[in-house]
């Protein structure tokens, strides 16, 4: 069964809060506000929602009944409930899971909610490989991992610093035009600023990395027929989706620069019936800029080892050949904990609805959105997913 066939499923509403550092608010408070905003814009209410999909929140890491209590806090009575722990791949993954639930008759109108307040309260605790191997050896999570990935990549293909500097500037320009950007990031940067910024895990600079914050967003997923019935003037249709977790799991010494996006990206495009050359914009998960480069190559927008040239030779802004993270991405507008993947997803939906203002991509027809979940020990990231959307 392909739940995306014939444009049968639609994103019929969206809402997003401004991102803030140390907001002093809980994920419950953020969720309540963004859901109220969604209901106000769609004319629906709690009684209209029969499905709820959530992310695991670092600010609620010890909560054993997170999804149940959140549903209660929002006044919802769902017949289908989903709690997804794919990290930054969760929000795109939940759109696909909601579509499957609707196609199977488990729900008709699903609220996909992403909320976290990790800079106000972080209760996350990882065990397994992290506590047994990474922490004792000083392998400091994402910074160490992406520093190692970057070092290996550059040893094979040469420096990518010039291309990443241009990408950093392009994303910051998008963030400056995005009212929901973290205030601390609402200032311009130059390529010289990128090169001069402090090295934090060689060859990574500070400006290669995300700034954590608090935030929330919400999407309304339903059938195309119901979207029309509730008066949705600009539905957005999921056309293809793929994910893979623990890519090359049987390899003891996997290639750390090869990711699951080399599988998930082409599969999602094939399901949508599109090629990379037909994509209007790319909204990739960007906890580190090198991750964008790897995804560009492995999804097929350029050849392996060619990301630096691609980034240097092309306009990456809204009027370019392939606009990238037009709202700033997470690196320039803020990463709202484990709800961070929603930053890229909401921007794609906003663009396809024609609501992006000064950063609007002209004639935006479709978009590829990606997610990255979990950081593994001396491997690449844990989950890779790709979602193709169209207006």
Protein backbone atom coordinates (compact mmCIF):
# COMPACT_ATOMS: atom_id res chain seq x y z
CA UNK A 1 0.00 0.00 0.00
CA UNK A 2 1.25 3.48 -0.91
CA UNK A 3 -0.55 6.00 1.32
CA UNK A 4 0.71 8.85 -0.84
CA UNK A 5 -0.77 7.60 -4.14
CA UNK A 6 -3.14 9.93 -6.00
CA UNK A 7 -2.44 12.77 -3.54
CA UNK A 8 -4.94 11.22 -1.15
CA UNK A 9 -3.29 12.64 2.00
CA UNK A 10 -2.82 16.35 2.65
CA UNK A 11 -1.14 18.66 5.13
CA UNK A 12 -4.08 20.96 5.75
CA UNK A 13 -2.70 23.29 8.42
CA UNK A 14 0.49 24.42 10.13
CA UNK A 15 1.62 26.53 13.06
CA UNK A 16 5.00 27.42 14.54
CA UNK A 17 6.15 29.40 17.57
CA UNK A 18 9.13 31.75 17.66
CA UNK A 19 12.18 29.87 18.91
CA UNK A 20 13.78 31.09 22.13
CA UNK A 21 16.72 30.10 24.32
CA UNK A 22 15.93 29.37 27.96
CA UNK A 23 12.31 30.39 27.52
CA UNK A 24 11.44 29.28 31.06
CA UNK A 25 8.45 27.39 29.64
CA UNK A 26 7.62 23.69 29.56
CA UNK A 27 6.99 21.58 26.49
CA UNK A 28 3.36 21.36 27.64
CA UNK A 29 3.02 25.15 27.59
CA UNK A 30 4.66 25.44 24.18
CA UNK A 31 2.47 22.66 22.83
CA UNK A 32 -0.71 24.26 24.14
CA UNK A 33 0.13 27.58 22.49
CA UNK A 34 1.07 26.18 19.10
CA UNK A 35 -1.99 23.89 18.98
CA UNK A 36 -4.24 26.84 19.82
CA UNK A 37 -2.61 28.70 16.94
CA UNK A 38 -3.26 25.75 14.61
CA UNK A 39 -6.91 25.50 15.65
CA UNK A 40 -7.39 29.23 15.17
CA UNK A 41 -6.00 29.10 11.64
CA UNK A 42 -7.96 25.99 10.55
CA UNK A 43 -11.24 26.54 12.38
CA UNK A 44 -10.99 23.12 14.01
CA UNK A 45 -10.94 22.16 17.68
CA UNK A 46 -10.00 19.28 19.96
CA UNK A 47 -13.13 17.27 19.06
CA UNK A 48 -12.02 17.20 15.40
CA UNK A 49 -8.73 15.43 16.15
CA UNK A 50 -8.70 11.63 16.33
CA UNK A 51 -4.97 11.03 15.91
CA UNK A 52 -1.91 12.43 17.68
CA UNK A 53 1.77 11.95 16.78
CA UNK A 54 4.50 13.31 19.08
CA UNK A 55 8.25 13.50 19.45
CA UNK A 56 10.13 12.36 22.53
CA UNK A 57 11.18 15.56 24.35
CA UNK A 58 14.53 15.98 26.11
CA UNK A 59 12.82 18.33 28.55
CA UNK A 60 10.44 15.49 29.51
CA UNK A 61 12.97 12.66 29.21
CA UNK A 62 11.95 10.87 32.40
CA UNK A 63 8.19 11.03 31.71
CA UNK A 64 6.87 7.47 31.25
CA UNK A 65 3.42 8.56 29.99
CA UNK A 66 4.39 11.55 27.86
CA UNK A 67 2.02 11.02 24.93
CA UNK A 68 -0.96 10.08 27.12
CA UNK A 69 -0.55 13.06 29.41
CA UNK A 70 0.03 15.43 26.48
CA UNK A 71 -3.22 14.26 24.87
CA UNK A 72 -4.99 14.92 28.17
CA UNK A 73 -3.40 18.37 28.51
CA UNK A 74 -4.65 19.28 25.03
CA UNK A 75 -8.15 17.92 25.62
CA UNK A 76 -7.78 15.26 22.93
CA UNK A 77 -9.35 11.81 22.73
CA UNK A 78 -7.29 10.10 20.01
CA UNK A 79 -8.10 6.70 18.57
CA UNK A 80 -4.53 6.53 17.26
CA UNK A 81 -1.50 7.66 19.27
CA UNK A 82 2.14 7.69 18.13
CA UNK A 83 5.28 8.55 20.10
CA UNK A 84 8.37 8.52 17.89
CA UNK A 85 11.99 8.53 19.08
CA UNK A 86 13.88 9.05 15.82
CA UNK A 87 15.50 12.26 17.03
CA UNK A 88 15.70 14.81 14.23
CA UNK A 89 14.00 12.37 11.86
CA UNK A 90 10.85 12.27 14.02
CA UNK A 91 8.78 15.09 12.54
CA UNK A 92 9.06 13.97 8.92
CA UNK A 93 8.64 10.39 10.09
CA UNK A 94 5.44 11.32 11.90
CA UNK A 95 3.95 12.81 8.74
CA UNK A 96 4.48 9.43 7.06
CA UNK A 97 3.14 7.53 10.06
CA UNK A 98 0.06 9.73 10.18
CA UNK A 99 -0.53 9.12 6.47
CA UNK A 100 -0.30 5.37 7.02
CA UNK A 101 -2.72 5.51 9.96
CA UNK A 102 -5.22 7.48 7.88
CA UNK A 103 -4.85 5.13 4.92
CA UNK A 104 -5.49 2.16 7.24
CA UNK A 105 -8.60 3.74 8.76
CA UNK A 106 -7.13 4.23 12.22
CA UNK A 107 -7.71 7.98 12.14
CA UNK A 108 -8.97 10.69 9.82
CA UNK A 109 -7.47 13.92 11.19
CA UNK A 110 -4.06 13.70 12.85
CA UNK A 111 -2.24 16.37 14.81
CA UNK A 112 1.53 16.04 14.31
CA UNK A 113 2.98 17.95 17.23
CA UNK A 114 6.63 18.74 17.91
CA UNK A 115 7.61 20.46 21.16
CA UNK A 116 10.68 20.59 23.38
CA UNK A 117 12.16 22.98 25.93
CA UNK A 118 15.63 21.48 26.23
CA UNK A 119 17.42 24.75 27.04
CA UNK A 120 15.07 25.34 29.95
CA UNK A 121 15.24 21.77 31.27
CA UNK A 122 17.14 18.81 29.84
CA UNK A 123 16.28 15.48 31.44
CA UNK A 124 17.64 13.24 28.67
CA UNK A 125 19.85 10.34 29.71
CA UNK A 126 21.47 8.03 27.19
CA UNK A 127 22.90 4.67 28.18
CA UNK A 128 24.29 1.80 26.12
CA UNK A 129 27.17 2.75 23.83
CA UNK A 130 27.24 6.34 25.04
CA UNK A 131 27.78 5.58 28.73
CA UNK A 132 29.91 2.47 28.10
CA UNK A 133 32.23 3.70 25.38
CA UNK A 134 31.74 7.32 24.28
CA UNK A 135 31.75 9.11 27.62
CA UNK A 136 34.70 7.24 29.23
CA UNK A 137 36.84 7.86 26.14
CA UNK A 138 35.93 11.54 25.87
CA UNK A 139 34.02 11.03 22.62
CA UNK A 140 31.82 14.05 23.22
CA UNK A 141 28.72 13.19 21.26
CA UNK A 142 27.77 15.15 18.14
CA UNK A 143 30.80 17.44 18.12
CA UNK A 144 33.28 14.56 18.20
CA UNK A 145 31.25 12.55 15.72
CA UNK A 146 30.85 15.28 13.12
CA UNK A 147 34.42 16.47 13.62
CA UNK A 148 35.57 12.94 12.77
CA UNK A 149 33.18 12.69 9.79
CA UNK A 150 34.46 16.03 8.48
CA UNK A 151 38.10 15.04 8.91
CA UNK A 152 37.61 11.78 7.03
CA UNK A 153 35.66 13.51 4.26
CA UNK A 154 38.30 16.19 3.75
CA UNK A 155 41.13 13.65 3.78
CA UNK A 156 39.48 11.99 0.76
CA UNK A 157 38.04 14.86 -1.22
CA UNK A 158 39.90 17.96 -0.07
CA UNK A 159 38.72 20.94 1.92
CA UNK A 160 35.05 21.80 1.81
CA UNK A 161 35.43 24.93 3.94
CA UNK A 162 34.75 27.40 1.13
CA UNK A 163 31.48 25.74 0.19
CA UNK A 164 30.35 25.48 3.81
CA UNK A 165 31.18 29.15 4.38
CA UNK A 166 28.90 30.08 1.48
CA UNK A 167 26.17 27.79 2.82
CA UNK A 168 26.48 29.33 6.30
CA UNK A 169 25.97 32.81 4.87
CA UNK A 170 23.02 31.73 2.70
CA UNK A 171 21.26 30.08 5.64
CA UNK A 172 21.87 33.09 7.88
CA UNK A 173 20.37 35.34 5.20
CA UNK A 174 17.27 33.13 5.28
CA UNK A 175 17.16 33.28 9.06
CA UNK A 176 17.26 37.08 8.98
CA UNK A 177 14.02 36.99 6.98
CA UNK A 178 12.39 34.48 9.36
CA UNK A 179 10.44 35.99 12.24
CA UNK A 180 10.69 32.75 14.24
CA UNK A 181 14.51 32.76 14.34
CA UNK A 182 16.18 32.79 17.76
CA UNK A 183 16.97 36.48 18.48
CA UNK A 184 20.65 35.73 19.15
CA UNK A 185 21.01 34.55 15.55
CA UNK A 186 19.28 37.50 13.90
CA UNK A 187 22.46 39.18 12.73
CA UNK A 188 24.30 38.83 9.41
CA UNK A 189 27.52 36.93 8.91
CA UNK A 190 30.09 36.87 6.12
CA UNK A 191 32.21 34.07 4.72
CA UNK A 192 35.15 35.69 6.50
CA UNK A 193 33.22 35.42 9.78
CA UNK A 194 32.77 31.70 9.16
CA UNK A 195 36.48 31.10 8.54
CA UNK A 196 37.45 33.20 11.57
CA UNK A 197 35.02 31.53 13.96
CA UNK A 198 36.47 29.35 16.70
CA UNK A 199 37.40 25.73 15.96
CA UNK A 200 35.44 23.46 18.30
CA UNK A 201 36.24 19.95 16.93
CA UNK A 202 38.69 20.23 14.05
CA UNK A 203 37.82 21.05 11.32
CA UNK A 204 34.42 22.18 12.68
CA UNK A 205 33.93 25.88 13.43
CA UNK A 206 31.38 27.34 15.82
CA UNK A 207 29.45 28.52 12.75
CA UNK A 208 29.19 24.92 11.53
CA UNK A 209 27.02 24.05 14.53
CA UNK A 210 23.46 24.45 15.78
CA UNK A 211 22.34 26.66 18.64
CA UNK A 212 19.91 24.77 20.95
CA UNK A 213 16.67 26.49 21.94
CA UNK A 214 13.04 25.86 22.96
CA UNK A 215 10.22 25.71 20.44
CA UNK A 216 7.13 24.00 19.06
CA UNK A 217 5.27 23.45 15.80
CA UNK A 218 2.16 21.63 14.66
CA UNK A 219 0.84 20.14 11.41
CA UNK A 220 -2.66 18.93 10.57
CA UNK A 221 -2.68 15.77 8.45
CA UNK A 222 -5.91 14.49 6.93
CA UNK A 223 -7.43 13.19 3.72
CA UNK A 224 -7.41 15.42 0.67
CA UNK A 225 -11.22 15.32 0.68
CA UNK A 226 -11.43 16.48 4.28
CA UNK A 227 -8.83 19.19 3.63
CA UNK A 228 -11.12 20.60 0.96
CA UNK A 229 -14.16 20.23 3.21
CA UNK A 230 -12.60 22.33 5.99
CA UNK A 231 -11.67 25.04 3.50
CA UNK A 232 -7.94 24.48 3.20
CA UNK A 233 -6.92 26.78 0.33
CA UNK A 234 -3.31 25.60 0.03
CA UNK A 235 -2.96 21.89 0.81
CA UNK A 236 0.50 20.32 0.69
CA UNK A 237 0.73 16.72 -0.42
CA UNK A 238 3.28 14.11 0.72
CA UNK A 239 4.36 12.23 -2.43
CA UNK A 240 7.11 9.95 -1.20
CA UNK A 241 8.84 8.86 1.99
CA UNK A 242 11.63 6.50 2.99
CA UNK A 243 13.70 5.87 6.10
CA UNK A 244 16.45 3.56 7.24
CA UNK A 245 17.97 3.02 10.67
CA UNK A 246 21.43 1.63 11.47
CA UNK A 247 22.62 1.75 7.88
CA UNK A 248 25.40 -0.83 7.31
CA UNK A 249 24.61 -2.38 10.70
CA UNK A 250 26.42 -5.60 9.80
CA UNK A 251 29.68 -3.78 8.97
CA UNK A 252 32.18 -3.68 11.81
CA UNK A 253 34.13 -0.86 10.17
CA UNK A 254 31.59 1.05 8.07
CA UNK A 255 32.45 4.04 5.93
CA UNK A 256 31.67 6.89 8.35
CA UNK A 257 31.00 9.30 5.47
CA UNK A 258 28.35 7.07 3.86
CA UNK A 259 24.88 7.57 5.31
CA UNK A 260 21.45 6.02 5.07
CA UNK A 261 20.38 8.96 2.92
CA UNK A 262 22.10 7.17 0.04
CA UNK A 263 19.20 4.69 0.34
CA UNK A 264 16.33 6.76 1.76
CA UNK A 265 16.74 9.75 -0.54
CA UNK A 266 16.57 7.89 -3.86
CA UNK A 267 13.73 5.68 -2.57
CA UNK A 268 11.59 8.66 -1.56
CA UNK A 269 12.22 10.38 -4.89
CA UNK A 270 11.37 7.21 -6.79
CA UNK A 271 8.11 6.81 -4.88
CA UNK A 272 7.25 10.42 -5.74
CA UNK A 273 8.15 9.86 -9.39
CA UNK A 274 10.69 12.69 -9.37
CA UNK A 275 14.41 13.11 -10.02
CA UNK A 276 16.79 15.42 -8.14
CA UNK A 277 16.80 17.80 -11.13
CA UNK A 278 13.03 18.29 -10.75
CA UNK A 279 13.16 19.42 -7.11
CA UNK A 280 12.32 23.07 -6.39
CA UNK A 281 14.05 23.30 -3.02
CA UNK A 282 16.00 21.26 -0.47
CA UNK A 283 15.26 21.57 3.25
CA UNK A 284 17.78 19.16 4.83
CA UNK A 285 18.31 18.45 8.50
CA UNK A 286 21.31 20.54 9.50
CA UNK A 287 22.73 20.00 12.94
CA UNK A 288 26.13 20.53 11.27
CA UNK A 289 26.82 21.99 7.84
CA UNK A 290 28.82 18.93 6.76
CA UNK A 291 25.60 16.92 7.10
CA UNK A 292 24.00 19.07 4.39
CA UNK A 293 26.96 18.41 2.09
CA UNK A 294 26.77 14.64 2.59
CA UNK A 295 23.04 14.63 1.90
CA UNK A 296 23.45 16.72 -1.26
CA UNK A 297 25.83 14.10 -2.62
CA UNK A 298 24.09 10.95 -1.46
CA UNK A 299 20.56 11.92 -2.44
CA UNK A 300 21.85 12.76 -5.89
CA UNK A 301 21.93 16.54 -6.22
CA UNK A 302 25.64 16.33 -7.04
CA UNK A 303 28.32 13.65 -7.28
CA UNK A 304 30.26 12.14 -4.38
CA UNK A 305 33.08 14.50 -3.41
CA UNK A 306 31.51 17.35 -5.41
CA UNK A 307 29.56 19.17 -2.69
CA UNK A 308 32.17 21.92 -2.32
CA UNK A 309 32.01 22.77 -6.01
CA UNK A 310 28.21 22.58 -6.03
CA UNK A 311 27.91 24.95 -3.07
CA UNK A 312 30.48 27.38 -4.46
CA UNK A 313 29.10 27.44 -8.01
CA UNK A 314 25.38 27.86 -7.24
CA UNK A 315 23.11 30.49 -5.74
CA UNK A 316 21.78 28.79 -2.59
CA UNK A 317 19.13 31.42 -1.86
CA UNK A 318 15.42 31.46 -2.79
CA UNK A 319 16.09 32.38 -6.44
CA UNK A 320 18.88 29.87 -6.99
CA UNK A 321 18.96 26.58 -8.86
CA UNK A 322 18.40 24.62 -5.64
CA UNK A 323 17.42 26.82 -2.69
CA UNK A 324 18.70 25.25 0.55
CA UNK A 325 17.20 25.78 4.02
CA UNK A 326 15.56 29.02 2.99
CA UNK A 327 14.38 29.90 6.50
CA UNK A 328 17.86 29.53 7.98
CA UNK A 329 17.69 25.85 8.85
CA UNK A 330 18.44 24.90 12.42
CA UNK A 331 22.00 26.22 12.31
CA UNK A 332 20.89 29.79 11.73
CA UNK A 333 17.39 29.85 13.23
CA UNK A 334 17.75 27.48 16.20
CA UNK A 335 17.37 23.77 17.05
CA UNK A 336 14.41 23.19 19.36
CA UNK A 337 15.72 20.03 21.02
CA UNK A 338 14.23 16.81 19.65
CA UNK A 339 11.57 18.91 17.90
CA UNK A 340 14.37 20.40 15.80
CA UNK A 341 13.53 18.53 12.62
CA UNK A 342 10.29 20.47 12.43
CA UNK A 343 12.25 23.63 11.58
CA UNK A 344 13.14 22.28 8.13
CA UNK A 345 9.76 20.62 7.61
CA UNK A 346 7.68 23.68 8.53
CA UNK A 347 9.78 25.82 6.19
CA UNK A 348 9.04 23.46 3.29
CA UNK A 349 5.31 23.55 4.03
CA UNK A 350 5.36 27.33 4.39
CA UNK A 351 7.13 27.71 1.05
CA UNK A 352 4.71 25.39 -0.73
CA UNK A 353 1.78 27.34 0.70
CA UNK A 354 3.34 30.54 -0.69
CA UNK A 355 3.62 32.11 2.77
CA UNK A 356 7.38 32.68 3.10
CA UNK A 357 7.36 36.42 2.43
CA UNK A 358 10.69 37.95 1.43
CA UNK A 359 12.35 34.55 1.26
CA UNK A 360 9.67 32.93 -0.93
CA UNK A 361 10.98 30.58 -3.61
CA UNK A 362 9.35 31.61 -6.91
CA UNK A 363 7.04 28.97 -8.37
CA UNK A 364 7.83 26.50 -5.59
CA UNK A 365 6.32 23.22 -6.80
CA UNK A 366 7.88 20.63 -4.50
CA UNK A 367 10.51 20.07 -1.83
CA UNK A 368 12.70 17.38 -0.30
CA UNK A 369 12.86 17.44 3.51
CA UNK A 370 15.21 15.19 5.45
CA UNK A 371 15.80 14.08 9.02
CA UNK A 372 18.75 12.72 10.98
CA UNK A 373 18.28 10.74 14.18
CA UNK A 374 20.77 9.71 16.88
CA UNK A 375 24.55 9.87 16.99
CA UNK A 376 26.30 6.52 17.10
CA UNK A 377 29.75 5.47 18.25
CA UNK A 378 32.35 5.78 15.46
CA UNK A 379 29.62 5.39 12.84
CA UNK A 380 27.45 7.77 10.90
CA UNK A 381 24.08 8.90 12.22
CA UNK A 382 21.48 6.35 13.28
CA UNK A 383 18.31 7.18 11.29
CA UNK A 384 18.11 8.78 7.84
CA UNK A 385 14.81 9.74 6.27
CA UNK A 386 13.53 11.76 3.34
CA UNK A 387 10.08 13.19 2.65
CA UNK A 388 8.99 14.59 -0.71
CA UNK A 389 6.25 17.22 -0.59
CA UNK A 390 4.35 19.02 -3.38
CA UNK A 391 1.73 21.70 -3.62
